[in-house]
């Protein structure tokens, strides 16, 4: 995983943390295509503890990004409370250990960081 600049060639880049591990990216892509996105969106709407944890993760993400350049939006450029891309939530969780969507994703994709390590 790498950290990217909030602006690239003067244009906003919505993803502060870019997942570089092909195994993780592929596993998360399969998870996204399984229909789990709507499950997570529903959980944000109905599970107050999960929603509060997501808001705290958004605040962490925004603080890190805005320290470099202030931009609108939260994780992946999405509005607050939105689950748009599991890849960016997972990458953020690898950095902070505080993203509930990233933790949910990590539980479901398992140990993708085994040897040989992704580079």
C-alpha atoms as a PDB file:
ATOM      1  CA  UNK A   1       0.000   0.000   0.000  1.00  0.00           C
ATOM      2  CA  UNK A   2       1.199   3.496  -0.763  1.00  0.00           C
ATOM      3  CA  UNK A   3       0.114   6.948   0.307  1.00  0.00           C
ATOM      4  CA  UNK A   4      -0.759   9.231  -2.577  1.00  0.00           C
ATOM      5  CA  UNK A   5      -0.968  12.993  -2.832  1.00  0.00           C
ATOM      6  CA  UNK A   6      -4.435  14.538  -2.555  1.00  0.00           C
ATOM      7  CA  UNK A   7      -3.725  16.455  -5.769  1.00  0.00           C
ATOM      8  CA  UNK A   8      -2.144  14.909  -8.843  1.00  0.00           C
ATOM      9  CA  UNK A   9      -1.342  17.257 -11.700  1.00  0.00           C
ATOM     10  CA  UNK A  10      -3.463  19.855  -9.908  1.00  0.00           C
ATOM     11  CA  UNK A  11      -6.569  17.629  -9.846  1.00  0.00           C
ATOM     12  CA  UNK A  12      -8.131  16.043  -6.747  1.00  0.00           C
ATOM     13  CA  UNK A  13      -7.233  12.381  -6.316  1.00  0.00           C
ATOM     14  CA  UNK A  14      -9.854  10.781  -4.064  1.00  0.00           C
ATOM     15  CA  UNK A  15      -7.766   7.907  -2.717  1.00  0.00           C
ATOM     16  CA  UNK A  16      -5.176   8.840  -0.093  1.00  0.00           C
ATOM     17  CA  UNK A  17      -4.097   5.230   0.408  1.00  0.00           C
ATOM     18  CA  UNK A  18      -3.651   3.093  -2.701  1.00  0.00           C
ATOM     19  CA  UNK A  19      -3.702  -0.669  -2.320  1.00  0.00           C
ATOM     20  CA  UNK A  20      -0.786  -2.161  -4.275  1.00  0.00           C
ATOM     21  CA  UNK A  21      -1.033  -5.843  -3.298  1.00  0.00           C
ATOM     22  CA  UNK A  22      -2.546  -7.740  -6.228  1.00  0.00           C
ATOM     23  CA  UNK A  23      -3.788 -10.568  -4.010  1.00  0.00           C
ATOM     24  CA  UNK A  24      -5.570  -8.154  -1.692  1.00  0.00           C
ATOM     25  CA  UNK A  25      -7.004  -6.171  -4.616  1.00  0.00           C
ATOM     26  CA  UNK A  26      -8.291  -9.326  -6.317  1.00  0.00           C
ATOM     27  CA  UNK A  27      -9.801 -10.706  -3.105  1.00  0.00           C
ATOM     28  CA  UNK A  28     -11.516  -7.400  -2.367  1.00  0.00           C
ATOM     29  CA  UNK A  29     -12.809  -7.194  -5.939  1.00  0.00           C
ATOM     30  CA  UNK A  30     -14.386 -10.635  -5.527  1.00  0.00           C
ATOM     31  CA  UNK A  31     -15.901  -9.541  -2.216  1.00  0.00           C
ATOM     32  CA  UNK A  32     -17.348  -6.385  -3.774  1.00  0.00           C
ATOM     33  CA  UNK A  33     -18.862  -8.347  -6.658  1.00  0.00           C
ATOM     34  CA  UNK A  34     -20.523 -10.750  -4.213  1.00  0.00           C
ATOM     35  CA  UNK A  35     -23.084  -8.064  -3.298  1.00  0.00           C
ATOM     36  CA  UNK A  36     -21.648  -7.149   0.102  1.00  0.00           C
ATOM     37  CA  UNK A  37     -21.726  -3.406  -0.611  1.00  0.00           C
ATOM     38  CA  UNK A  38     -25.467  -3.129   0.000  1.00  0.00           C
ATOM     39  CA  UNK A  39     -25.075  -5.184   3.183  1.00  0.00           C
ATOM     40  CA  UNK A  40     -22.521  -2.666   4.453  1.00  0.00           C
ATOM     41  CA  UNK A  41     -24.636   0.326   3.440  1.00  0.00           C
ATOM     42  CA  UNK A  42     -27.574  -1.173   5.316  1.00  0.00           C
ATOM     43  CA  UNK A  43     -25.374  -1.772   8.354  1.00  0.00           C
ATOM     44  CA  UNK A  44     -24.336   1.893   8.342  1.00  0.00           C
ATOM     45  CA  UNK A  45     -28.034   2.845   8.265  1.00  0.00           C
ATOM     46  CA  UNK A  46     -29.130   0.469  11.035  1.00  0.00           C
ATOM     47  CA  UNK A  47     -26.135  -0.202  13.336  1.00  0.00           C
ATOM     48  CA  UNK A  48     -25.399   2.930  15.346  1.00  0.00           C
ATOM     49  CA  UNK A  49     -22.135   1.595  16.797  1.00  0.00           C
ATOM     50  CA  UNK A  50     -20.841   0.649  13.332  1.00  0.00           C
ATOM     51  CA  UNK A  51     -21.935   4.013  11.906  1.00  0.00           C
ATOM     52  CA  UNK A  52     -20.197   5.877  14.755  1.00  0.00           C
ATOM     53  CA  UNK A  53     -17.002   3.888  14.159  1.00  0.00           C
ATOM     54  CA  UNK A  54     -17.189   4.733  10.448  1.00  0.00           C
ATOM     55  CA  UNK A  55     -17.593   8.446  11.257  1.00  0.00           C
ATOM     56  CA  UNK A  56     -14.512   8.262  13.504  1.00  0.00           C
ATOM     57  CA  UNK A  57     -12.574   6.542  10.693  1.00  0.00           C
ATOM     58  CA  UNK A  58     -13.723   9.240   8.265  1.00  0.00           C
ATOM     59  CA  UNK A  59     -12.459  11.913  10.647  1.00  0.00           C
ATOM     60  CA  UNK A  60      -9.071  10.156  10.842  1.00  0.00           C
ATOM     61  CA  UNK A  61      -8.870   9.866   7.035  1.00  0.00           C
ATOM     62  CA  UNK A  62      -9.904  13.483   6.485  1.00  0.00           C
ATOM     63  CA  UNK A  63      -7.411  14.743   9.073  1.00  0.00           C
ATOM     64  CA  UNK A  64      -4.562  12.842   7.376  1.00  0.00           C
ATOM     65  CA  UNK A  65      -5.555  14.008   3.887  1.00  0.00           C
ATOM     66  CA  UNK A  66      -6.356  17.589   4.822  1.00  0.00           C
ATOM     67  CA  UNK A  67      -2.945  17.929   6.496  1.00  0.00           C
ATOM     68  CA  UNK A  68      -1.581  17.794   2.933  1.00  0.00           C
ATOM     69  CA  UNK A  69      -4.411  19.536   1.056  1.00  0.00           C
ATOM     70  CA  UNK A  70      -8.008  20.264   2.060  1.00  0.00           C
ATOM     71  CA  UNK A  71     -10.524  18.566  -0.212  1.00  0.00           C
ATOM     72  CA  UNK A  72     -14.264  17.902   0.048  1.00  0.00           C
ATOM     73  CA  UNK A  73     -15.512  14.419   0.788  1.00  0.00           C
ATOM     74  CA  UNK A  74     -14.298  11.652   3.013  1.00  0.00           C
ATOM     75  CA  UNK A  75     -12.918   8.160   2.374  1.00  0.00           C
ATOM     76  CA  UNK A  76     -12.361   7.775  -1.353  1.00  0.00           C
ATOM     77  CA  UNK A  77     -13.941  11.183  -1.943  1.00  0.00           C
ATOM     78  CA  UNK A  78     -17.343   9.820  -0.941  1.00  0.00           C
ATOM     79  CA  UNK A  79     -19.840  11.687   1.242  1.00  0.00           C
ATOM     80  CA  UNK A  80     -19.848  10.977   4.971  1.00  0.00           C
ATOM     81  CA  UNK A  81     -21.390   7.640   5.902  1.00  0.00           C
ATOM     82  CA  UNK A  82     -20.934   6.226   2.429  1.00  0.00           C
ATOM     83  CA  UNK A  83     -19.374   2.882   1.573  1.00  0.00           C
ATOM     84  CA  UNK A  84     -18.096   3.381  -1.950  1.00  0.00           C
ATOM     85  CA  UNK A  85     -14.960   1.243  -2.351  1.00  0.00           C
ATOM     86  CA  UNK A  86     -13.770  -1.560  -0.093  1.00  0.00           C
ATOM     87  CA  UNK A  87     -10.225  -1.212  -1.431  1.00  0.00           C
ATOM     88  CA  UNK A  88      -9.783   2.270   0.039  1.00  0.00           C
ATOM     89  CA  UNK A  89     -11.448   1.344   3.348  1.00  0.00           C
ATOM     90  CA  UNK A  90      -9.176  -1.693   3.656  1.00  0.00           C
ATOM     91  CA  UNK A  91      -6.047   0.342   2.808  1.00  0.00           C
ATOM     92  CA  UNK A  92      -7.047   2.973   5.374  1.00  0.00           C
ATOM     93  CA  UNK A  93      -7.602   0.236   7.956  1.00  0.00           C
ATOM     94  CA  UNK A  94      -4.081  -1.078   7.305  1.00  0.00           C
ATOM     95  CA  UNK A  95      -2.785   2.391   8.212  1.00  0.00           C
ATOM     96  CA  UNK A  96      -4.906   3.222  11.254  1.00  0.00           C
ATOM     97  CA  UNK A  97      -6.524  -0.005  12.459  1.00  0.00           C
ATOM     98  CA  UNK A  98      -9.635   2.130  12.972  1.00  0.00           C
ATOM     99  CA  UNK A  99     -11.819   1.605   9.898  1.00  0.00           C
ATOM    100  CA  UNK A 100     -14.766  -0.730  10.568  1.00  0.00           C
ATOM    101  CA  UNK A 101     -15.438  -1.306   6.861  1.00  0.00           C
ATOM    102  CA  UNK A 102     -11.756  -2.134   6.401  1.00  0.00           C
ATOM    103  CA  UNK A 103     -11.873  -4.500   9.385  1.00  0.00           C
ATOM    104  CA  UNK A 104     -14.999  -6.171   7.957  1.00  0.00           C
ATOM    105  CA  UNK A 105     -13.147  -6.570   4.652  1.00  0.00           C
ATOM    106  CA  UNK A 106     -10.005  -7.947   6.317  1.00  0.00           C
ATOM    107  CA  UNK A 107     -12.055 -10.581   8.158  1.00  0.00           C
ATOM    108  CA  UNK A 108     -13.609 -11.766   4.912  1.00  0.00           C
ATOM    109  CA  UNK A 109     -10.569 -11.834   2.633  1.00  0.00           C
ATOM    110  CA  UNK A 110      -8.312 -13.537   5.159  1.00  0.00           C
ATOM    111  CA  UNK A 111      -4.528 -13.497   5.150  1.00  0.00           C
ATOM    112  CA  UNK A 112      -3.624 -12.233   1.693  1.00  0.00           C
ATOM    113  CA  UNK A 113      -0.294 -10.851   2.913  1.00  0.00           C
ATOM    114  CA  UNK A 114       1.467 -14.210   3.175  1.00  0.00           C
ATOM    115  CA  UNK A 115       4.785 -14.971   1.513  1.00  0.00           C
ATOM    116  CA  UNK A 116       5.788 -14.080  -1.026  1.00  0.00           C
ATOM    117  CA  UNK A 117       4.901 -10.589   0.088  1.00  0.00           C
ATOM    118  CA  UNK A 118       3.272  -8.121  -2.262  1.00  0.00           C
ATOM    119  CA  UNK A 119       5.530  -5.293  -3.322  1.00  0.00           C
END
